[in-house]
Amino acid sequence: MSVEVPENMEEVAMKIAQHQVRGEQLSVQKVIEDAVKEILQAFMDEALEGHYDDVKLEGQTLVVYDFMGEKEGQVTPEKDWVTDFQTDADAVIDRLEEAVGKIVRGR
């Protein structure tokens, strides 16, 4: 990925700093919640060889919808996405990748 889609807390801090230079304010929570959503979306796009499903963050649940708007699956954090990511970002990413396999196989 990239700093645009942070994969660890160092990249979260870098993204926040980049936006501060431009006079924009981002919270750690916003950056992490956007990151987990975008990471799951990227894994879904890769697994399906294209952008067919949409990932939405609904409360603390990442919900995957197919192109018809039907719910295909969901992923929930152990505690909450921010705490989980701050504690072990690699484990969060691994869990998202594993969830994609289950969602795609469940079709």
PDB file of N, CA and C in Angstrom:
ATOM      1  N   MET A   1       0.857  -1.161   0.000  1.00  0.00           N
ATOM      2  CA  MET A   1       0.000   0.000   0.000  1.00  0.00           C
ATOM      3  C   MET A   1       0.911   1.235   0.000  1.00  0.00           C
ATOM      4  N   SER A   2       0.484   2.300   0.641  1.00  0.00           N
ATOM      5  CA  SER A   2       1.273   3.523   0.672  1.00  0.00           C
ATOM      6  C   SER A   2       0.839   4.348   1.865  1.00  0.00           C
ATOM      7  N   VAL A   3       1.468   5.507   2.023  1.00  0.00           N
ATOM      8  CA  VAL A   3       1.062   6.398   3.104  1.00  0.00           C
ATOM      9  C   VAL A   3      -0.386   6.820   2.894  1.00  0.00           C
ATOM     10  N   GLU A   4      -0.844   6.835   1.648  1.00  0.00           N
ATOM     11  CA  GLU A   4      -2.248   7.165   1.392  1.00  0.00           C
ATOM     12  C   GLU A   4      -3.167   6.152   2.061  1.00  0.00           C
ATOM     13  N   VAL A   5      -2.731   4.906   2.131  1.00  0.00           N
ATOM     14  CA  VAL A   5      -3.471   3.869   2.867  1.00  0.00           C
ATOM     15  C   VAL A   5      -2.482   3.289   3.886  1.00  0.00           C
ATOM     16  N   PRO A   6      -2.436   3.893   5.061  1.00  0.00           N
ATOM     17  CA  PRO A   6      -1.452   3.473   6.066  1.00  0.00           C
ATOM     18  C   PRO A   6      -1.642   2.025   6.504  1.00  0.00           C
ATOM     19  N   GLU A   7      -0.504   1.354   6.709  1.00  0.00           N
ATOM     20  CA  GLU A   7      -0.526  -0.030   7.171  1.00  0.00           C
ATOM     21  C   GLU A   7       0.072  -0.188   8.557  1.00  0.00           C
ATOM     22  N   ASN A   8       0.510   0.919   9.160  1.00  0.00           N
ATOM     23  CA  ASN A   8       1.045   0.880  10.519  1.00  0.00           C
ATOM     24  C   ASN A   8       0.951   2.279  11.115  1.00  0.00           C
ATOM     25  N   MET A   9       1.266   2.399  12.392  1.00  0.00           N
ATOM     26  CA  MET A   9       1.098   3.678  13.080  1.00  0.00           C
ATOM     27  C   MET A   9       2.072   4.738  12.578  1.00  0.00           C
ATOM     28  N   GLU A  10       3.248   4.335  12.134  1.00  0.00           N
ATOM     29  CA  GLU A  10       4.194   5.303  11.565  1.00  0.00           C
ATOM     30  C   GLU A  10       3.590   5.948  10.315  1.00  0.00           C
ATOM     31  N   GLU A  11       2.977   5.147   9.472  1.00  0.00           N
ATOM     32  CA  GLU A  11       2.351   5.681   8.262  1.00  0.00           C
ATOM     33  C   GLU A  11       1.118   6.518   8.595  1.00  0.00           C
ATOM     34  N   VAL A  12       0.411   6.176   9.680  1.00  0.00           N
ATOM     35  CA  VAL A  12      -0.715   6.999  10.135  1.00  0.00           C
ATOM     36  C   VAL A  12      -0.193   8.383  10.506  1.00  0.00           C
ATOM     37  N   ALA A  13       0.882   8.431  11.290  1.00  0.00           N
ATOM     38  CA  ALA A  13       1.468   9.711  11.704  1.00  0.00           C
ATOM     39  C   ALA A  13       1.950  10.510  10.497  1.00  0.00           C
ATOM     40  N   MET A  14       2.552   9.827   9.522  1.00  0.00           N
ATOM     41  CA  MET A  14       3.028  10.515   8.313  1.00  0.00           C
ATOM     42  C   MET A  14       1.865  11.116   7.530  1.00  0.00           C
ATOM     43  N   LYS A  15       0.770  10.385   7.421  1.00  0.00           N
ATOM     44  CA  LYS A  15      -0.389  10.893   6.684  1.00  0.00           C
ATOM     45  C   LYS A  15      -0.971  12.120   7.383  1.00  0.00           C
ATOM     46  N   ILE A  16      -1.083  12.055   8.699  1.00  0.00           N
ATOM     47  CA  ILE A  16      -1.601  13.196   9.455  1.00  0.00           C
ATOM     48  C   ILE A  16      -0.687  14.406   9.263  1.00  0.00           C
ATOM     49  N   ALA A  17       0.628  14.183   9.338  1.00  0.00           N
ATOM     50  CA  ALA A  17       1.592  15.278   9.166  1.00  0.00           C
ATOM     51  C   ALA A  17       1.501  15.887   7.769  1.00  0.00           C
ATOM     52  N   GLN A  18       1.353  15.056   6.746  1.00  0.00           N
ATOM     53  CA  GLN A  18       1.227  15.564   5.372  1.00  0.00           C
ATOM     54  C   GLN A  18       0.010  16.468   5.238  1.00  0.00           C
ATOM     55  N   HIS A  19      -1.076  16.089   5.849  1.00  0.00           N
ATOM     56  CA  HIS A  19      -2.290  16.901   5.766  1.00  0.00           C
ATOM     57  C   HIS A  19      -2.163  18.182   6.588  1.00  0.00           C
ATOM     58  N   GLN A  20      -1.446  18.116   7.716  1.00  0.00           N
ATOM     59  CA  GLN A  20      -1.241  19.310   8.533  1.00  0.00           C
ATOM     60  C   GLN A  20      -0.438  20.356   7.772  1.00  0.00           C
ATOM     61  N   VAL A  21       0.528  19.921   6.970  1.00  0.00           N
ATOM     62  CA  VAL A  21       1.325  20.843   6.156  1.00  0.00           C
ATOM     63  C   VAL A  21       0.425  21.619   5.200  1.00  0.00           C
ATOM     64  N   ARG A  22      -0.642  20.981   4.750  1.00  0.00           N
ATOM     65  CA  ARG A  22      -1.589  21.628   3.827  1.00  0.00           C
ATOM     66  C   ARG A  22      -2.712  22.346   4.568  1.00  0.00           C
ATOM     67  N   GLY A  23      -2.603  22.404   5.897  1.00  0.00           N
ATOM     68  CA  GLY A  23      -3.609  23.098   6.689  1.00  0.00           C
ATOM     69  C   GLY A  23      -4.858  22.291   6.956  1.00  0.00           C
ATOM     70  N   GLU A  24      -4.798  20.985   6.733  1.00  0.00           N
ATOM     71  CA  GLU A  24      -5.942  20.104   6.958  1.00  0.00           C
ATOM     72  C   GLU A  24      -5.733  19.330   8.255  1.00  0.00           C
ATOM     73  N   GLN A  25      -6.809  19.124   8.981  1.00  0.00           N
ATOM     74  CA  GLN A  25      -6.737  18.377  10.233  1.00  0.00           C
ATOM     75  C   GLN A  25      -7.369  16.998  10.055  1.00  0.00           C
ATOM     76  N   LEU A  26      -6.631  15.984  10.428  1.00  0.00           N
ATOM     77  CA  LEU A  26      -7.140  14.609  10.416  1.00  0.00           C
ATOM     78  C   LEU A  26      -6.929  14.017  11.797  1.00  0.00           C
ATOM     79  N   SER A  27      -7.878  13.237  12.262  1.00  0.00           N
ATOM     80  CA  SER A  27      -7.706  12.548  13.541  1.00  0.00           C
ATOM     81  C   SER A  27      -7.134  11.154  13.294  1.00  0.00           C
ATOM     82  N   VAL A  28      -6.488  10.624  14.309  1.00  0.00           N
ATOM     83  CA  VAL A  28      -5.970   9.258  14.238  1.00  0.00           C
ATOM     84  C   VAL A  28      -7.125   8.299  13.963  1.00  0.00           C
ATOM     85  N   GLN A  29      -8.256   8.506  14.632  1.00  0.00           N
ATOM     86  CA  GLN A  29      -9.417   7.634  14.439  1.00  0.00           C
ATOM     87  C   GLN A  29      -9.866   7.631  12.985  1.00  0.00           C
ATOM     88  N   LYS A  30      -9.999   8.796  12.382  1.00  0.00           N
ATOM     89  CA  LYS A  30     -10.451   8.898  10.983  1.00  0.00           C
ATOM     90  C   LYS A  30      -9.469   8.194  10.049  1.00  0.00           C
ATOM     91  N   VAL A  31      -8.176   8.438  10.255  1.00  0.00           N
ATOM     92  CA  VAL A  31      -7.163   7.833   9.382  1.00  0.00           C
ATOM     93  C   VAL A  31      -7.198   6.311   9.493  1.00  0.00           C
ATOM     94  N   ILE A  32      -7.282   5.787  10.707  1.00  0.00           N
ATOM     95  CA  ILE A  32      -7.289   4.332  10.891  1.00  0.00           C
ATOM     96  C   ILE A  32      -8.573   3.715  10.355  1.00  0.00           C
ATOM     97  N   GLU A  33      -9.716   4.313  10.651  1.00  0.00           N
ATOM     98  CA  GLU A  33     -10.976   3.749  10.153  1.00  0.00           C
ATOM     99  C   GLU A  33     -11.023   3.768   8.630  1.00  0.00           C
ATOM    100  N   ASP A  34     -10.540   4.846   8.016  1.00  0.00           N
ATOM    101  CA  ASP A  34     -10.471   4.886   6.551  1.00  0.00           C
ATOM    102  C   ASP A  34      -9.507   3.827   6.030  1.00  0.00           C
ATOM    103  N   ALA A  35      -8.380   3.651   6.726  1.00  0.00           N
ATOM    104  CA  ALA A  35      -7.370   2.689   6.284  1.00  0.00           C
ATOM    105  C   ALA A  35      -7.909   1.264   6.294  1.00  0.00           C
ATOM    106  N   VAL A  36      -8.564   0.854   7.382  1.00  0.00           N
ATOM    107  CA  VAL A  36      -9.051  -0.530   7.422  1.00  0.00           C
ATOM    108  C   VAL A  36     -10.111  -0.757   6.346  1.00  0.00           C
ATOM    109  N   LYS A  37     -10.939   0.245   6.106  1.00  0.00           N
ATOM    110  CA  LYS A  37     -11.952   0.125   5.042  1.00  0.00           C
ATOM    111  C   LYS A  37     -11.275   0.006   3.675  1.00  0.00           C
ATOM    112  N   GLU A  38     -10.284   0.852   3.424  1.00  0.00           N
ATOM    113  CA  GLU A  38      -9.606   0.841   2.128  1.00  0.00           C
ATOM    114  C   GLU A  38      -8.770  -0.420   1.930  1.00  0.00           C
ATOM    115  N   ILE A  39      -8.174  -0.928   3.000  1.00  0.00           N
ATOM    116  CA  ILE A  39      -7.405  -2.173   2.899  1.00  0.00           C
ATOM    117  C   ILE A  39      -8.334  -3.332   2.552  1.00  0.00           C
ATOM    118  N   LEU A  40      -9.476  -3.420   3.240  1.00  0.00           N
ATOM    119  CA  LEU A  40     -10.432  -4.483   2.926  1.00  0.00           C
ATOM    120  C   LEU A  40     -10.934  -4.337   1.497  1.00  0.00           C
ATOM    121  N   GLN A  41     -11.200  -3.110   1.052  1.00  0.00           N
ATOM    122  CA  GLN A  41     -11.657  -2.881  -0.323  1.00  0.00           C
ATOM    123  C   GLN A  41     -10.599  -3.348  -1.320  1.00  0.00           C
ATOM    124  N   ALA A  42      -9.341  -3.037  -1.052  1.00  0.00           N
ATOM    125  CA  ALA A  42      -8.257  -3.452  -1.951  1.00  0.00           C
ATOM    126  C   ALA A  42      -8.155  -4.974  -2.020  1.00  0.00           C
ATOM    127  N   PHE A  43      -8.276  -5.647  -0.880  1.00  0.00           N
ATOM    128  CA  PHE A  43      -8.239  -7.110  -0.874  1.00  0.00           C
ATOM    129  C   PHE A  43      -9.423  -7.695  -1.642  1.00  0.00           C
ATOM    130  N   MET A  44     -10.603  -7.103  -1.485  1.00  0.00           N
ATOM    131  CA  MET A  44     -11.780  -7.581  -2.229  1.00  0.00           C
ATOM    132  C   MET A  44     -11.568  -7.392  -3.728  1.00  0.00           C
ATOM    133  N   ASP A  45     -11.090  -6.214  -4.127  1.00  0.00           N
ATOM    134  CA  ASP A  45     -10.857  -5.939  -5.544  1.00  0.00           C
ATOM    135  C   ASP A  45      -9.849  -6.924  -6.134  1.00  0.00           C
ATOM    136  N   GLU A  46      -8.810  -7.223  -5.371  1.00  0.00           N
ATOM    137  CA  GLU A  46      -7.794  -8.171  -5.840  1.00  0.00           C
ATOM    138  C   GLU A  46      -8.380  -9.575  -5.969  1.00  0.00           C
ATOM    139  N   ALA A  47      -9.135 -10.001  -4.977  1.00  0.00           N
ATOM    140  CA  ALA A  47      -9.710 -11.351  -4.988  1.00  0.00           C
ATOM    141  C   ALA A  47     -10.702 -11.538  -6.126  1.00  0.00           C
ATOM    142  N   LEU A  48     -11.435 -10.482  -6.450  1.00  0.00           N
ATOM    143  CA  LEU A  48     -12.458 -10.569  -7.500  1.00  0.00           C
ATOM    144  C   LEU A  48     -11.947 -10.083  -8.854  1.00  0.00           C
ATOM    145  N   GLU A  49     -10.670  -9.713  -8.895  1.00  0.00           N
ATOM    146  CA  GLU A  49     -10.035  -9.221 -10.123  1.00  0.00           C
ATOM    147  C   GLU A  49     -10.795  -8.042 -10.715  1.00  0.00           C
ATOM    148  N   GLY A  50     -11.201  -7.138  -9.835  1.00  0.00           N
ATOM    149  CA  GLY A  50     -11.902  -5.933 -10.258  1.00  0.00           C
ATOM    150  C   GLY A  50     -12.762  -5.407  -9.125  1.00  0.00           C
ATOM    151  N   HIS A  51     -13.271  -4.208  -9.302  1.00  0.00           N
ATOM    152  CA  HIS A  51     -14.095  -3.575  -8.259  1.00  0.00           C
ATOM    153  C   HIS A  51     -15.564  -3.913  -8.495  1.00  0.00           C
ATOM    154  N   TYR A  52     -16.009  -4.975  -7.834  1.00  0.00           N
ATOM    155  CA  TYR A  52     -17.393  -5.418  -7.970  1.00  0.00           C
ATOM    156  C   TYR A  52     -18.189  -5.203  -6.688  1.00  0.00           C
ATOM    157  N   ASP A  53     -17.505  -5.196  -5.566  1.00  0.00           N
ATOM    158  CA  ASP A  53     -18.157  -5.042  -4.274  1.00  0.00           C
ATOM    159  C   ASP A  53     -17.710  -3.737  -3.630  1.00  0.00           C
ATOM    160  N   ASP A  54     -18.546  -3.217  -2.738  1.00  0.00           N
ATOM    161  CA  ASP A  54     -18.215  -2.002  -2.002  1.00  0.00           C
ATOM    162  C   ASP A  54     -18.136  -2.317  -0.520  1.00  0.00           C
ATOM    163  N   VAL A  55     -17.128  -1.759   0.129  1.00  0.00           N
ATOM    164  CA  VAL A  55     -16.960  -1.914   1.568  1.00  0.00           C
ATOM    165  C   VAL A  55     -17.399  -0.618   2.233  1.00  0.00           C
ATOM    166  N   LYS A  56     -18.234  -0.755   3.249  1.00  0.00           N
ATOM    167  CA  LYS A  56     -18.692   0.409   4.009  1.00  0.00           C
ATOM    168  C   LYS A  56     -18.459   0.146   5.486  1.00  0.00           C
ATOM    169  N   LEU A  57     -18.069   1.191   6.198  1.00  0.00           N
ATOM    170  CA  LEU A  57     -17.914   1.094   7.644  1.00  0.00           C
ATOM    171  C   LEU A  57     -19.216   1.551   8.278  1.00  0.00           C
ATOM    172  N   GLU A  58     -19.888   0.627   8.935  1.00  0.00           N
ATOM    173  CA  GLU A  58     -21.163   0.916   9.592  1.00  0.00           C
ATOM    174  C   GLU A  58     -20.964   0.699  11.083  1.00  0.00           C
ATOM    175  N   GLY A  59     -20.799   1.793  11.804  1.00  0.00           N
ATOM    176  CA  GLY A  59     -20.426   1.696  13.211  1.00  0.00           C
ATOM    177  C   GLY A  59     -19.017   1.150  13.281  1.00  0.00           C
ATOM    178  N   GLN A  60     -18.842   0.016  13.928  1.00  0.00           N
ATOM    179  CA  GLN A  60     -17.535  -0.643  13.992  1.00  0.00           C
ATOM    180  C   GLN A  60     -17.477  -1.870  13.089  1.00  0.00           C
ATOM    181  N   THR A  61     -18.467  -2.044  12.227  1.00  0.00           N
ATOM    182  CA  THR A  61     -18.522  -3.212  11.356  1.00  0.00           C
ATOM    183  C   THR A  61     -18.216  -2.817   9.920  1.00  0.00           C
ATOM    184  N   LEU A  62     -17.270  -3.523   9.314  1.00  0.00           N
ATOM    185  CA  LEU A  62     -17.007  -3.360   7.886  1.00  0.00           C
ATOM    186  C   LEU A  62     -17.957  -4.298   7.152  1.00  0.00           C
ATOM    187  N   VAL A  63     -18.803  -3.737   6.305  1.00  0.00           N
ATOM    188  CA  VAL A  63     -19.807  -4.522   5.599  1.00  0.00           C
ATOM    189  C   VAL A  63     -19.482  -4.511   4.113  1.00  0.00           C
ATOM    190  N   VAL A  64     -19.515  -5.693   3.493  1.00  0.00           N
ATOM    191  CA  VAL A  64     -19.242  -5.833   2.065  1.00  0.00           C
ATOM    192  C   VAL A  64     -20.566  -6.020   1.341  1.00  0.00           C
ATOM    193  N   TYR A  65     -20.820  -5.150   0.360  1.00  0.00           N
ATOM    194  CA  TYR A  65     -22.027  -5.217  -0.459  1.00  0.00           C
ATOM    195  C   TYR A  65     -21.639  -5.535  -1.892  1.00  0.00           C
ATOM    196  N   ASP A  66     -22.422  -6.401  -2.547  1.00  0.00           N
ATOM    197  CA  ASP A  66     -22.149  -6.706  -3.951  1.00  0.00           C
ATOM    198  C   ASP A  66     -22.670  -5.573  -4.831  1.00  0.00           C
ATOM    199  N   PHE A  67     -22.479  -5.713  -6.138  1.00  0.00           N
ATOM    200  CA  PHE A  67     -22.851  -4.641  -7.069  1.00  0.00           C
ATOM    201  C   PHE A  67     -24.356  -4.400  -7.123  1.00  0.00           C
ATOM    202  N   MET A  68     -25.147  -5.331  -6.599  1.00  0.00           N
ATOM    203  CA  MET A  68     -26.600  -5.155  -6.544  1.00  0.00           C
ATOM    204  C   MET A  68     -27.050  -4.555  -5.209  1.00  0.00           C
ATOM    205  N   GLY A  69     -26.081  -4.307  -4.321  1.00  0.00           N
ATOM    206  CA  GLY A  69     -26.408  -3.740  -3.023  1.00  0.00           C
ATOM    207  C   GLY A  69     -26.761  -4.761  -1.963  1.00  0.00           C
ATOM    208  N   GLU A  70     -26.556  -6.046  -2.291  1.00  0.00           N
ATOM    209  CA  GLU A  70     -26.840  -7.119  -1.332  1.00  0.00           C
ATOM    210  C   GLU A  70     -25.629  -7.329  -0.425  1.00  0.00           C
ATOM    211  N   LYS A  71     -25.891  -7.555   0.847  1.00  0.00           N
ATOM    212  CA  LYS A  71     -24.820  -7.790   1.804  1.00  0.00           C
ATOM    213  C   LYS A  71     -24.175  -9.144   1.541  1.00  0.00           C
ATOM    214  N   GLU A  72     -22.853  -9.135   1.363  1.00  0.00           N
ATOM    215  CA  GLU A  72     -22.099 -10.362   1.098  1.00  0.00           C
ATOM    216  C   GLU A  72     -21.365 -10.869   2.330  1.00  0.00           C
ATOM    217  N   GLY A  73     -21.036  -9.975   3.230  1.00  0.00           N
ATOM    218  CA  GLY A  73     -20.303 -10.383   4.421  1.00  0.00           C
ATOM    219  C   GLY A  73     -19.959  -9.185   5.269  1.00  0.00           C
ATOM    220  N   GLN A  74     -19.343  -9.475   6.408  1.00  0.00           N
ATOM    221  CA  GLN A  74     -18.949  -8.393   7.296  1.00  0.00           C
ATOM    222  C   GLN A  74     -17.750  -8.813   8.121  1.00  0.00           C
ATOM    223  N   VAL A  75     -17.041  -7.817   8.636  1.00  0.00           N
ATOM    224  CA  VAL A  75     -15.878  -8.048   9.483  1.00  0.00           C
ATOM    225  C   VAL A  75     -15.996  -7.105  10.673  1.00  0.00           C
ATOM    226  N   THR A  76     -15.793  -7.650  11.862  1.00  0.00           N
ATOM    227  CA  THR A  76     -15.840  -6.826  13.065  1.00  0.00           C
ATOM    228  C   THR A  76     -14.477  -6.854  13.756  1.00  0.00           C
ATOM    229  N   PRO A  77     -14.148  -5.789  14.457  1.00  0.00           N
ATOM    230  CA  PRO A  77     -12.874  -5.758  15.176  1.00  0.00           C
ATOM    231  C   PRO A  77     -12.949  -6.589  16.453  1.00  0.00           C
ATOM    232  N   GLU A  78     -11.784  -6.873  17.032  1.00  0.00           N
ATOM    233  CA  GLU A  78     -11.776  -7.556  18.325  1.00  0.00           C
ATOM    234  C   GLU A  78     -12.301  -6.613  19.400  1.00  0.00           C
ATOM    235  N   LYS A  79     -11.779  -5.384  19.439  1.00  0.00           N
ATOM    236  CA  LYS A  79     -12.264  -4.379  20.384  1.00  0.00           C
ATOM    237  C   LYS A  79     -12.899  -3.250  19.587  1.00  0.00           C
ATOM    238  N   ASP A  80     -12.074  -2.459  18.923  1.00  0.00           N
ATOM    239  CA  ASP A  80     -12.510  -1.460  17.951  1.00  0.00           C
ATOM    240  C   ASP A  80     -11.344  -1.289  16.988  1.00  0.00           C
ATOM    241  N   TRP A  81     -11.619  -0.784  15.791  1.00  0.00           N
ATOM    242  CA  TRP A  81     -10.585  -0.735  14.760  1.00  0.00           C
ATOM    243  C   TRP A  81      -9.374   0.084  15.188  1.00  0.00           C
ATOM    244  N   VAL A  82      -9.594   1.181  15.884  1.00  0.00           N
ATOM    245  CA  VAL A  82      -8.475   2.038  16.285  1.00  0.00           C
ATOM    246  C   VAL A  82      -7.578   1.308  17.279  1.00  0.00           C
ATOM    247  N   THR A  83      -8.158   0.755  18.321  1.00  0.00           N
ATOM    248  CA  THR A  83      -7.369   0.042  19.330  1.00  0.00           C
ATOM    249  C   THR A  83      -6.668  -1.163  18.720  1.00  0.00           C
ATOM    250  N   ASP A  84      -7.390  -1.941  17.927  1.00  0.00           N
ATOM    251  CA  ASP A  84      -6.791  -3.120  17.292  1.00  0.00           C
ATOM    252  C   ASP A  84      -5.609  -2.725  16.415  1.00  0.00           C
ATOM    253  N   PHE A  85      -5.771  -1.666  15.608  1.00  0.00           N
ATOM    254  CA  PHE A  85      -4.720  -1.219  14.690  1.00  0.00           C
ATOM    255  C   PHE A  85      -3.522  -0.693  15.474  1.00  0.00           C
ATOM    256  N   GLN A  86      -3.777   0.079  16.525  1.00  0.00           N
ATOM    257  CA  GLN A  86      -2.685   0.614  17.335  1.00  0.00           C
ATOM    258  C   GLN A  86      -1.925  -0.501  18.042  1.00  0.00           C
ATOM    259  N   THR A  87      -2.629  -1.538  18.452  1.00  0.00           N
ATOM    260  CA  THR A  87      -2.014  -2.653  19.167  1.00  0.00           C
ATOM    261  C   THR A  87      -1.194  -3.534  18.238  1.00  0.00           C
ATOM    262  N   ASP A  88      -1.751  -3.887  17.077  1.00  0.00           N
ATOM    263  CA  ASP A  88      -1.060  -4.776  16.132  1.00  0.00           C
ATOM    264  C   ASP A  88      -1.665  -4.625  14.739  1.00  0.00           C
ATOM    265  N   ALA A  89      -1.149  -3.665  13.994  1.00  0.00           N
ATOM    266  CA  ALA A  89      -1.678  -3.381  12.654  1.00  0.00           C
ATOM    267  C   ALA A  89      -1.533  -4.588  11.730  1.00  0.00           C
ATOM    268  N   ASP A  90      -0.430  -5.316  11.859  1.00  0.00           N
ATOM    269  CA  ASP A  90      -0.229  -6.489  10.998  1.00  0.00           C
ATOM    270  C   ASP A  90      -1.315  -7.537  11.231  1.00  0.00           C
ATOM    271  N   ALA A  91      -1.700  -7.739  12.486  1.00  0.00           N
ATOM    272  CA  ALA A  91      -2.754  -8.713  12.793  1.00  0.00           C
ATOM    273  C   ALA A  91      -4.089  -8.269  12.212  1.00  0.00           C
ATOM    274  N   VAL A  92      -4.361  -6.964  12.232  1.00  0.00           N
ATOM    275  CA  VAL A  92      -5.599  -6.446  11.637  1.00  0.00           C
ATOM    276  C   VAL A  92      -5.604  -6.724  10.140  1.00  0.00           C
ATOM    277  N   ILE A  93      -4.495  -6.436   9.483  1.00  0.00           N
ATOM    278  CA  ILE A  93      -4.404  -6.653   8.035  1.00  0.00           C
ATOM    279  C   ILE A  93      -4.554  -8.137   7.712  1.00  0.00           C
ATOM    280  N   ASP A  94      -3.913  -8.995   8.498  1.00  0.00           N
ATOM    281  CA  ASP A  94      -4.051 -10.440   8.285  1.00  0.00           C
ATOM    282  C   ASP A  94      -5.502 -10.881   8.452  1.00  0.00           C
ATOM    283  N   ARG A  95      -6.182 -10.334   9.466  1.00  0.00           N
ATOM    284  CA  ARG A  95      -7.585 -10.691   9.704  1.00  0.00           C
ATOM    285  C   ARG A  95      -8.471 -10.235   8.550  1.00  0.00           C
ATOM    286  N   LEU A  96      -8.188  -9.053   8.002  1.00  0.00           N
ATOM    287  CA  LEU A  96      -8.967  -8.561   6.860  1.00  0.00           C
ATOM    288  C   LEU A  96      -8.757  -9.454   5.639  1.00  0.00           C
ATOM    289  N   GLU A  97      -7.511  -9.850   5.413  1.00  0.00           N
ATOM    290  CA  GLU A  97      -7.215 -10.713   4.266  1.00  0.00           C
ATOM    291  C   GLU A  97      -7.895 -12.073   4.426  1.00  0.00           C
ATOM    292  N   GLU A  98      -7.881 -12.603   5.631  1.00  0.00           N
ATOM    293  CA  GLU A  98      -8.544 -13.882   5.900  1.00  0.00           C
ATOM    294  C   GLU A  98     -10.058 -13.764   5.693  1.00  0.00           C
ATOM    295  N   ALA A  99     -10.622 -12.651   6.113  1.00  0.00           N
ATOM    296  CA  ALA A  99     -12.064 -12.429   5.964  1.00  0.00           C
ATOM    297  C   ALA A  99     -12.463 -12.392   4.496  1.00  0.00           C
ATOM    298  N   VAL A 100     -11.617 -11.810   3.655  1.00  0.00           N
ATOM    299  CA  VAL A 100     -11.910 -11.758   2.220  1.00  0.00           C
ATOM    300  C   VAL A 100     -12.033 -13.165   1.667  1.00  0.00           C
ATOM    301  N   GLY A 101     -11.127 -14.052   2.055  1.00  0.00           N
ATOM    302  CA  GLY A 101     -11.202 -15.432   1.592  1.00  0.00           C
ATOM    303  C   GLY A 101     -12.525 -16.079   1.953  1.00  0.00           C
ATOM    304  N   LYS A 102     -12.982 -15.853   3.181  1.00  0.00           N
ATOM    305  CA  LYS A 102     -14.255 -16.432   3.622  1.00  0.00           C
ATOM    306  C   LYS A 102     -15.430 -15.822   2.866  1.00  0.00           C
ATOM    307  N   ILE A 103     -15.388 -14.510   2.661  1.00  0.00           N
ATOM    308  CA  ILE A 103     -16.488 -13.836   1.959  1.00  0.00           C
ATOM    309  C   ILE A 103     -16.560 -14.294   0.509  1.00  0.00           C
ATOM    310  N   VAL A 104     -15.421 -14.361  -0.153  1.00  0.00           N
ATOM    311  CA  VAL A 104     -15.396 -14.747  -1.571  1.00  0.00           C
ATOM    312  C   VAL A 104     -15.791 -16.212  -1.734  1.00  0.00           C
ATOM    313  N   ARG A 105     -15.307 -17.085  -0.851  1.00  0.00           N
ATOM    314  CA  ARG A 105     -15.670 -18.513  -0.937  1.00  0.00           C
ATOM    315  C   ARG A 105     -17.142 -18.748  -0.633  1.00  0.00           C
ATOM    316  N   GLY A 106     -17.750 -17.844   0.134  1.00  0.00           N
ATOM    317  CA  GLY A 106     -19.141 -18.014   0.521  1.00  0.00           C
ATOM    318  C   GLY A 106     -20.139 -17.644  -0.557  1.00  0.00           C
ATOM    319  N   ARG A 107     -19.679 -17.256  -1.730  1.00  0.00           N
ATOM    320  CA  ARG A 107     -20.584 -16.848  -2.812  1.00  0.00           C
ATOM    321  C   ARG A 107     -21.201 -18.040  -3.481  1.00  0.00           C
TER     322      ARG A 107
END
